[in-house]
């Protein structure tokens, strides 16, 4: 998987929503494919922890994801967007 873009969409009181765009590498059985999936990052209300250490895909096709690069992009996009609004 090659990460292309993380796009902040909106937030609720419990979670932040993103569109994650990535490429799936070609293999013998398939061509390269670009995929856009909605992801959910939970907000935590604990001292020292503002966000979950994982995210989930909104389509529930897979369990929790711990991809640190995507998590950091999500947090960056969210905080950048939050600062632009204020």
PDB file of N, CA and C in Angstrom:
ATOM      1  N   UNK A   1       0.844  -1.175   0.000  1.00  0.00           N
ATOM      2  CA  UNK A   1       0.000   0.000   0.000  1.00  0.00           C
ATOM      3  C   UNK A   1       0.889   1.237   0.000  1.00  0.00           C
ATOM      4  N   UNK A   2       0.555   2.177  -0.862  1.00  0.00           N
ATOM      5  CA  UNK A   2       1.268   3.443  -0.950  1.00  0.00           C
ATOM      6  C   UNK A   2       0.292   4.567  -0.619  1.00  0.00           C
ATOM      7  N   UNK A   3       0.509   5.250   0.501  1.00  0.00           N
ATOM      8  CA  UNK A   3      -0.369   6.327   0.949  1.00  0.00           C
ATOM      9  C   UNK A   3      -0.233   7.524   0.026  1.00  0.00           C
ATOM     10  N   UNK A   4      -1.372   8.064  -0.417  1.00  0.00           N
ATOM     11  CA  UNK A   4      -1.372   9.228  -1.290  1.00  0.00           C
ATOM     12  C   UNK A   4      -1.860  10.460  -0.538  1.00  0.00           C
ATOM     13  N   UNK A   5      -3.010  10.349   0.134  1.00  0.00           N
ATOM     14  CA  UNK A   5      -3.596  11.523   0.770  1.00  0.00           C
ATOM     15  C   UNK A   5      -4.518  11.109   1.908  1.00  0.00           C
ATOM     16  N   UNK A   6      -4.539  11.934   2.941  1.00  0.00           N
ATOM     17  CA  UNK A   6      -5.504  11.811   4.022  1.00  0.00           C
ATOM     18  C   UNK A   6      -6.275  13.123   4.049  1.00  0.00           C
ATOM     19  N   UNK A   7      -7.589  13.031   3.906  1.00  0.00           N
ATOM     20  CA  UNK A   7      -8.434  14.224   3.835  1.00  0.00           C
ATOM     21  C   UNK A   7      -9.392  14.248   5.021  1.00  0.00           C
ATOM     22  N   UNK A   8      -9.309  15.306   5.813  1.00  0.00           N
ATOM     23  CA  UNK A   8     -10.224  15.498   6.937  1.00  0.00           C
ATOM     24  C   UNK A   8     -11.617  15.777   6.392  1.00  0.00           C
ATOM     25  N   UNK A   9     -12.629  15.133   6.953  1.00  0.00           N
ATOM     26  CA  UNK A   9     -14.002  15.352   6.519  1.00  0.00           C
ATOM     27  C   UNK A   9     -14.804  16.118   7.567  1.00  0.00           C
ATOM     28  N   UNK A  10     -14.978  15.500   8.724  1.00  0.00           N
ATOM     29  CA  UNK A  10     -15.776  16.108   9.785  1.00  0.00           C
ATOM     30  C   UNK A  10     -15.509  15.385  11.098  1.00  0.00           C
ATOM     31  N   UNK A  11     -16.107  15.895  12.156  1.00  0.00           N
ATOM     32  CA  UNK A  11     -15.934  15.250  13.453  1.00  0.00           C
ATOM     33  C   UNK A  11     -17.243  15.246  14.217  1.00  0.00           C
ATOM     34  N   UNK A  12     -17.336  14.302  15.131  1.00  0.00           N
ATOM     35  CA  UNK A  12     -18.444  14.247  16.079  1.00  0.00           C
ATOM     36  C   UNK A  12     -17.830  14.382  17.465  1.00  0.00           C
ATOM     37  N   UNK A  13     -18.625  14.221  18.484  1.00  0.00           N
ATOM     38  CA  UNK A  13     -18.084  14.340  19.833  1.00  0.00           C
ATOM     39  C   UNK A  13     -17.182  13.156  20.195  1.00  0.00           C
ATOM     40  N   UNK A  14     -17.301  12.045  19.496  1.00  0.00           N
ATOM     41  CA  UNK A  14     -16.542  10.831  19.829  1.00  0.00           C
ATOM     42  C   UNK A  14     -15.492  10.432  18.801  1.00  0.00           C
ATOM     43  N   UNK A  15     -15.572  10.965  17.560  1.00  0.00           N
ATOM     44  CA  UNK A  15     -14.665  10.490  16.510  1.00  0.00           C
ATOM     45  C   UNK A  15     -14.433  11.558  15.454  1.00  0.00           C
ATOM     46  N   UNK A  16     -13.373  11.328  14.660  1.00  0.00           N
ATOM     47  CA  UNK A  16     -13.016  12.198  13.544  1.00  0.00           C
ATOM     48  C   UNK A  16     -13.023  11.329  12.289  1.00  0.00           C
ATOM     49  N   UNK A  17     -13.563  11.855  11.201  1.00  0.00           N
ATOM     50  CA  UNK A  17     -13.742  11.089   9.967  1.00  0.00           C
ATOM     51  C   UNK A  17     -12.827  11.626   8.862  1.00  0.00           C
ATOM     52  N   UNK A  18     -12.249  10.700   8.104  1.00  0.00           N
ATOM     53  CA  UNK A  18     -11.306  11.030   7.045  1.00  0.00           C
ATOM     54  C   UNK A  18     -11.580  10.179   5.813  1.00  0.00           C
ATOM     55  N   UNK A  19     -11.154  10.692   4.657  1.00  0.00           N
ATOM     56  CA  UNK A  19     -11.021   9.874   3.464  1.00  0.00           C
ATOM     57  C   UNK A  19      -9.540   9.597   3.298  1.00  0.00           C
ATOM     58  N   UNK A  20      -9.176   8.340   3.148  1.00  0.00           N
ATOM     59  CA  UNK A  20      -7.787   7.937   2.963  1.00  0.00           C
ATOM     60  C   UNK A  20      -7.651   7.390   1.542  1.00  0.00           C
ATOM     61  N   UNK A  21      -6.744   7.988   0.780  1.00  0.00           N
ATOM     62  CA  UNK A  21      -6.498   7.567  -0.594  1.00  0.00           C
ATOM     63  C   UNK A  21      -5.139   6.878  -0.649  1.00  0.00           C
ATOM     64  N   UNK A  22      -5.109   5.694  -1.245  1.00  0.00           N
ATOM     65  CA  UNK A  22      -3.850   4.967  -1.368  1.00  0.00           C
ATOM     66  C   UNK A  22      -3.860   4.109  -2.626  1.00  0.00           C
ATOM     67  N   UNK A  23      -2.667   3.737  -3.039  1.00  0.00           N
ATOM     68  CA  UNK A  23      -2.490   2.841  -4.175  1.00  0.00           C
ATOM     69  C   UNK A  23      -2.240   1.435  -3.671  1.00  0.00           C
ATOM     70  N   UNK A  24      -2.852   0.468  -4.332  1.00  0.00           N
ATOM     71  CA  UNK A  24      -2.531  -0.931  -4.108  1.00  0.00           C
ATOM     72  C   UNK A  24      -1.561  -1.316  -5.211  1.00  0.00           C
ATOM     73  N   UNK A  25      -0.431  -1.835  -4.819  1.00  0.00           N
ATOM     74  CA  UNK A  25       0.619  -2.196  -5.778  1.00  0.00           C
ATOM     75  C   UNK A  25       0.139  -3.295  -6.723  1.00  0.00           C
ATOM     76  N   UNK A  26       0.620  -3.247  -7.955  1.00  0.00           N
ATOM     77  CA  UNK A  26       0.231  -4.303  -8.904  1.00  0.00           C
ATOM     78  C   UNK A  26       0.868  -5.638  -8.525  1.00  0.00           C
ATOM     79  N   UNK A  27       0.203  -6.680  -8.909  1.00  0.00           N
ATOM     80  CA  UNK A  27       0.750  -8.018  -8.719  1.00  0.00           C
ATOM     81  C   UNK A  27       0.505  -8.813 -10.003  1.00  0.00           C
ATOM     82  N   UNK A  28       0.855 -10.044  -9.963  1.00  0.00           N
ATOM     83  CA  UNK A  28       0.664 -10.894 -11.132  1.00  0.00           C
ATOM     84  C   UNK A  28      -0.821 -10.985 -11.507  1.00  0.00           C
ATOM     85  N   UNK A  29      -1.706 -10.921 -10.507  1.00  0.00           N
ATOM     86  CA  UNK A  29      -3.131 -11.127 -10.737  1.00  0.00           C
ATOM     87  C   UNK A  29      -3.940  -9.849 -10.892  1.00  0.00           C
ATOM     88  N   UNK A  30      -3.347  -8.678 -10.593  1.00  0.00           N
ATOM     89  CA  UNK A  30      -4.127  -7.441 -10.688  1.00  0.00           C
ATOM     90  C   UNK A  30      -3.248  -6.254 -11.065  1.00  0.00           C
ATOM     91  N   UNK A  31      -3.884  -5.264 -11.660  1.00  0.00           N
ATOM     92  CA  UNK A  31      -3.194  -4.027 -12.012  1.00  0.00           C
ATOM     93  C   UNK A  31      -3.158  -3.110 -10.787  1.00  0.00           C
ATOM     94  N   UNK A  32      -2.328  -2.072 -10.870  1.00  0.00           N
ATOM     95  CA  UNK A  32      -2.295  -1.091  -9.791  1.00  0.00           C
ATOM     96  C   UNK A  32      -3.663  -0.437  -9.680  1.00  0.00           C
ATOM     97  N   UNK A  33      -4.077  -0.167  -8.467  1.00  0.00           N
ATOM     98  CA  UNK A  33      -5.421   0.362  -8.247  1.00  0.00           C
ATOM     99  C   UNK A  33      -5.377   1.444  -7.174  1.00  0.00           C
ATOM    100  N   UNK A  34      -6.071   2.556  -7.426  1.00  0.00           N
ATOM    101  CA  UNK A  34      -6.186   3.605  -6.423  1.00  0.00           C
ATOM    102  C   UNK A  34      -7.500   3.423  -5.669  1.00  0.00           C
ATOM    103  N   UNK A  35      -7.416   3.485  -4.350  1.00  0.00           N
ATOM    104  CA  UNK A  35      -8.564   3.230  -3.490  1.00  0.00           C
ATOM    105  C   UNK A  35      -8.782   4.426  -2.572  1.00  0.00           C
ATOM    106  N   UNK A  36     -10.042   4.799  -2.384  1.00  0.00           N
ATOM    107  CA  UNK A  36     -10.408   5.826  -1.409  1.00  0.00           C
ATOM    108  C   UNK A  36     -11.344   5.167  -0.407  1.00  0.00           C
ATOM    109  N   UNK A  37     -10.949   5.211   0.872  1.00  0.00           N
ATOM    110  CA  UNK A  37     -11.764   4.603   1.930  1.00  0.00           C
ATOM    111  C   UNK A  37     -11.974   5.601   3.050  1.00  0.00           C
ATOM    112  N   UNK A  38     -13.131   5.523   3.658  1.00  0.00           N
ATOM    113  CA  UNK A  38     -13.419   6.361   4.817  1.00  0.00           C
ATOM    114  C   UNK A  38     -12.871   5.678   6.061  1.00  0.00           C
ATOM    115  N   UNK A  39     -12.203   6.474   6.898  1.00  0.00           N
ATOM    116  CA  UNK A  39     -11.608   5.956   8.129  1.00  0.00           C
ATOM    117  C   UNK A  39     -12.114   6.766   9.318  1.00  0.00           C
ATOM    118  N   UNK A  40     -12.129   6.122  10.468  1.00  0.00           N
ATOM    119  CA  UNK A  40     -12.621   6.744  11.699  1.00  0.00           C
ATOM    120  C   UNK A  40     -11.511   6.683  12.747  1.00  0.00           C
ATOM    121  N   UNK A  41     -11.180   7.844  13.303  1.00  0.00           N
ATOM    122  CA  UNK A  41     -10.216   7.946  14.392  1.00  0.00           C
ATOM    123  C   UNK A  41     -10.984   8.381  15.631  1.00  0.00           C
ATOM    124  N   UNK A  42     -10.968   7.545  16.658  1.00  0.00           N
ATOM    125  CA  UNK A  42     -11.704   7.860  17.879  1.00  0.00           C
ATOM    126  C   UNK A  42     -10.976   8.913  18.702  1.00  0.00           C
ATOM    127  N   UNK A  43     -11.762   9.779  19.335  1.00  0.00           N
ATOM    128  CA  UNK A  43     -11.211  10.740  20.288  1.00  0.00           C
ATOM    129  C   UNK A  43     -11.223  10.086  21.655  1.00  0.00           C
ATOM    130  N   UNK A  44     -10.166  10.318  22.417  1.00  0.00           N
ATOM    131  CA  UNK A  44     -10.099   9.808  23.775  1.00  0.00           C
ATOM    132  C   UNK A  44     -10.125  10.976  24.734  1.00  0.00           C
ATOM    133  N   UNK A  45     -10.785  10.787  25.832  1.00  0.00           N
ATOM    134  CA  UNK A  45     -10.882  11.830  26.842  1.00  0.00           C
ATOM    135  C   UNK A  45     -10.064  11.421  28.072  1.00  0.00           C
ATOM    136  N   UNK A  46      -8.771  11.160  27.836  1.00  0.00           N
ATOM    137  CA  UNK A  46      -7.882  10.755  28.917  1.00  0.00           C
ATOM    138  C   UNK A  46      -6.701  11.719  28.958  1.00  0.00           C
ATOM    139  N   UNK A  47      -6.235  12.063  30.137  1.00  0.00           N
ATOM    140  CA  UNK A  47      -5.077  12.961  30.231  1.00  0.00           C
ATOM    141  C   UNK A  47      -3.873  12.390  29.475  1.00  0.00           C
ATOM    142  N   UNK A  48      -3.300  13.201  28.595  1.00  0.00           N
ATOM    143  CA  UNK A  48      -2.140  12.773  27.826  1.00  0.00           C
ATOM    144  C   UNK A  48      -2.461  12.027  26.547  1.00  0.00           C
ATOM    145  N   UNK A  49      -3.706  11.631  26.346  1.00  0.00           N
ATOM    146  CA  UNK A  49      -4.110  10.903  25.146  1.00  0.00           C
ATOM    147  C   UNK A  49      -5.347  11.571  24.545  1.00  0.00           C
ATOM    148  N   UNK A  50      -5.159  12.272  23.437  1.00  0.00           N
ATOM    149  CA  UNK A  50      -6.286  12.935  22.785  1.00  0.00           C
ATOM    150  C   UNK A  50      -6.959  12.051  21.741  1.00  0.00           C
ATOM    151  N   UNK A  51      -6.172  11.111  21.166  1.00  0.00           N
ATOM    152  CA  UNK A  51      -6.669  10.283  20.082  1.00  0.00           C
ATOM    153  C   UNK A  51      -6.339   8.817  20.353  1.00  0.00           C
ATOM    154  N   UNK A  52      -7.097   7.944  19.724  1.00  0.00           N
ATOM    155  CA  UNK A  52      -6.822   6.509  19.818  1.00  0.00           C
ATOM    156  C   UNK A  52      -5.482   6.201  19.150  1.00  0.00           C
ATOM    157  N   UNK A  53      -4.901   5.086  19.497  1.00  0.00           N
ATOM    158  CA  UNK A  53      -3.639   4.680  18.879  1.00  0.00           C
ATOM    159  C   UNK A  53      -3.883   3.775  17.671  1.00  0.00           C
ATOM    160  N   UNK A  54      -5.123   3.770  17.177  1.00  0.00           N
ATOM    161  CA  UNK A  54      -5.486   2.995  16.004  1.00  0.00           C
ATOM    162  C   UNK A  54      -6.687   3.648  15.341  1.00  0.00           C
ATOM    163  N   UNK A  55      -7.051   3.155  14.183  1.00  0.00           N
ATOM    164  CA  UNK A  55      -8.237   3.645  13.490  1.00  0.00           C
ATOM    165  C   UNK A  55      -8.960   2.456  12.892  1.00  0.00           C
ATOM    166  N   UNK A  56     -10.186   2.685  12.447  1.00  0.00           N
ATOM    167  CA  UNK A  56     -10.946   1.624  11.793  1.00  0.00           C
ATOM    168  C   UNK A  56     -11.471   2.133  10.453  1.00  0.00           C
ATOM    169  N   UNK A  57     -11.634   1.221   9.531  1.00  0.00           N
ATOM    170  CA  UNK A  57     -12.258   1.567   8.256  1.00  0.00           C
ATOM    171  C   UNK A  57     -13.769   1.596   8.470  1.00  0.00           C
ATOM    172  N   UNK A  58     -14.433   2.564   7.915  1.00  0.00           N
ATOM    173  CA  UNK A  58     -15.868   2.738   8.131  1.00  0.00           C
ATOM    174  C   UNK A  58     -16.696   1.601   7.537  1.00  0.00           C
ATOM    175  N   UNK A  59     -16.148   0.871   6.579  1.00  0.00           N
ATOM    176  CA  UNK A  59     -16.910  -0.231   5.980  1.00  0.00           C
ATOM    177  C   UNK A  59     -16.848  -1.517   6.814  1.00  0.00           C
ATOM    178  N   UNK A  60     -16.098  -1.491   7.916  1.00  0.00           N
ATOM    179  CA  UNK A  60     -15.984  -2.627   8.841  1.00  0.00           C
ATOM    180  C   UNK A  60     -15.480  -3.912   8.182  1.00  0.00           C
ATOM    181  N   UNK A  61     -14.752  -3.795   7.090  1.00  0.00           N
ATOM    182  CA  UNK A  61     -14.228  -4.986   6.418  1.00  0.00           C
ATOM    183  C   UNK A  61     -12.972  -5.524   7.086  1.00  0.00           C
ATOM    184  N   UNK A  62     -12.329  -4.691   7.894  1.00  0.00           N
ATOM    185  CA  UNK A  62     -11.109  -5.112   8.573  1.00  0.00           C
ATOM    186  C   UNK A  62     -11.177  -4.646  10.017  1.00  0.00           C
ATOM    187  N   UNK A  63     -10.362  -5.245  10.867  1.00  0.00           N
ATOM    188  CA  UNK A  63     -10.338  -4.842  12.273  1.00  0.00           C
ATOM    189  C   UNK A  63      -9.492  -3.575  12.439  1.00  0.00           C
ATOM    190  N   UNK A  64      -9.148  -3.247  13.653  1.00  0.00           N
ATOM    191  CA  UNK A  64      -8.386  -2.043  13.942  1.00  0.00           C
ATOM    192  C   UNK A  64      -7.071  -2.021  13.175  1.00  0.00           C
ATOM    193  N   UNK A  65      -6.710  -0.840  12.704  1.00  0.00           N
ATOM    194  CA  UNK A  65      -5.485  -0.628  11.943  1.00  0.00           C
ATOM    195  C   UNK A  65      -4.501   0.167  12.796  1.00  0.00           C
ATOM    196  N   UNK A  66      -3.241  -0.226  12.789  1.00  0.00           N
ATOM    197  CA  UNK A  66      -2.209   0.430  13.587  1.00  0.00           C
ATOM    198  C   UNK A  66      -1.129   1.065  12.714  1.00  0.00           C
ATOM    199  N   UNK A  67      -1.468   1.447  11.492  1.00  0.00           N
ATOM    200  CA  UNK A  67      -0.499   2.039  10.573  1.00  0.00           C
ATOM    201  C   UNK A  67      -0.135   3.435  11.071  1.00  0.00           C
ATOM    202  N   UNK A  68       1.065   3.565  11.627  1.00  0.00           N
ATOM    203  CA  UNK A  68       1.477   4.812  12.255  1.00  0.00           C
ATOM    204  C   UNK A  68       1.540   5.981  11.277  1.00  0.00           C
ATOM    205  N   UNK A  69       1.943   5.742  10.038  1.00  0.00           N
ATOM    206  CA  UNK A  69       2.023   6.822   9.051  1.00  0.00           C
ATOM    207  C   UNK A  69       0.635   7.406   8.778  1.00  0.00           C
ATOM    208  N   UNK A  70      -0.359   6.557   8.626  1.00  0.00           N
ATOM    209  CA  UNK A  70      -1.714   7.039   8.389  1.00  0.00           C
ATOM    210  C   UNK A  70      -2.247   7.751   9.635  1.00  0.00           C
ATOM    211  N   UNK A  71      -1.993   7.203  10.812  1.00  0.00           N
ATOM    212  CA  UNK A  71      -2.439   7.850  12.052  1.00  0.00           C
ATOM    213  C   UNK A  71      -1.852   9.245  12.189  1.00  0.00           C
ATOM    214  N   UNK A  72      -0.563   9.387  11.929  1.00  0.00           N
ATOM    215  CA  UNK A  72       0.080  10.699  12.066  1.00  0.00           C
ATOM    216  C   UNK A  72      -0.463  11.685  11.039  1.00  0.00           C
ATOM    217  N   UNK A  73      -0.730  11.222   9.823  1.00  0.00           N
ATOM    218  CA  UNK A  73      -1.338  12.091   8.802  1.00  0.00           C
ATOM    219  C   UNK A  73      -2.739  12.531   9.232  1.00  0.00           C
ATOM    220  N   UNK A  74      -3.506  11.613   9.817  1.00  0.00           N
ATOM    221  CA  UNK A  74      -4.846  11.956  10.295  1.00  0.00           C
ATOM    222  C   UNK A  74      -4.777  13.048  11.358  1.00  0.00           C
ATOM    223  N   UNK A  75      -3.896  12.861  12.322  1.00  0.00           N
ATOM    224  CA  UNK A  75      -3.769  13.838  13.401  1.00  0.00           C
ATOM    225  C   UNK A  75      -3.303  15.177  12.854  1.00  0.00           C
ATOM    226  N   UNK A  76      -2.333  15.161  11.949  1.00  0.00           N
ATOM    227  CA  UNK A  76      -1.841  16.389  11.334  1.00  0.00           C
ATOM    228  C   UNK A  76      -2.954  17.119  10.588  1.00  0.00           C
ATOM    229  N   UNK A  77      -3.699  16.396   9.748  1.00  0.00           N
ATOM    230  CA  UNK A  77      -4.788  17.017   8.988  1.00  0.00           C
ATOM    231  C   UNK A  77      -5.869  17.572   9.916  1.00  0.00           C
ATOM    232  N   UNK A  78      -6.209  16.833  10.943  1.00  0.00           N
ATOM    233  CA  UNK A  78      -7.234  17.287  11.877  1.00  0.00           C
ATOM    234  C   UNK A  78      -6.786  18.545  12.609  1.00  0.00           C
ATOM    235  N   UNK A  79      -5.583  18.539  13.143  1.00  0.00           N
ATOM    236  CA  UNK A  79      -5.105  19.697  13.898  1.00  0.00           C
ATOM    237  C   UNK A  79      -4.898  20.905  12.996  1.00  0.00           C
ATOM    238  N   UNK A  80      -4.450  20.683  11.769  1.00  0.00           N
ATOM    239  CA  UNK A  80      -4.287  21.785  10.811  1.00  0.00           C
ATOM    240  C   UNK A  80      -5.653  22.392  10.483  1.00  0.00           C
ATOM    241  N   UNK A  81      -6.650  21.543  10.259  1.00  0.00           N
ATOM    242  CA  UNK A  81      -7.994  22.021   9.945  1.00  0.00           C
ATOM    243  C   UNK A  81      -8.616  22.726  11.145  1.00  0.00           C
ATOM    244  N   UNK A  82      -8.396  22.191  12.332  1.00  0.00           N
ATOM    245  CA  UNK A  82      -8.938  22.797  13.552  1.00  0.00           C
ATOM    246  C   UNK A  82      -8.352  24.183  13.755  1.00  0.00           C
ATOM    247  N   UNK A  83      -7.067  24.363  13.492  1.00  0.00           N
ATOM    248  CA  UNK A  83      -6.415  25.673  13.634  1.00  0.00           C
ATOM    249  C   UNK A  83      -6.878  26.656  12.571  1.00  0.00           C
ATOM    250  N   UNK A  84      -7.193  26.160  11.362  1.00  0.00           N
ATOM    251  CA  UNK A  84      -7.685  27.048  10.293  1.00  0.00           C
ATOM    252  C   UNK A  84      -9.057  27.608  10.634  1.00  0.00           C
ATOM    253  N   UNK A  85      -9.878  26.852  11.345  1.00  0.00           N
ATOM    254  CA  UNK A  85     -11.231  27.299  11.698  1.00  0.00           C
ATOM    255  C   UNK A  85     -11.202  28.348  12.792  1.00  0.00           C
ATOM    256  N   UNK A  86     -10.261  28.208  13.727  1.00  0.00           N
ATOM    257  CA  UNK A  86     -10.203  29.130  14.864  1.00  0.00           C
ATOM    258  C   UNK A  86      -9.654  30.461  14.503  1.00  0.00           C
TER     259      UNK A  86
END
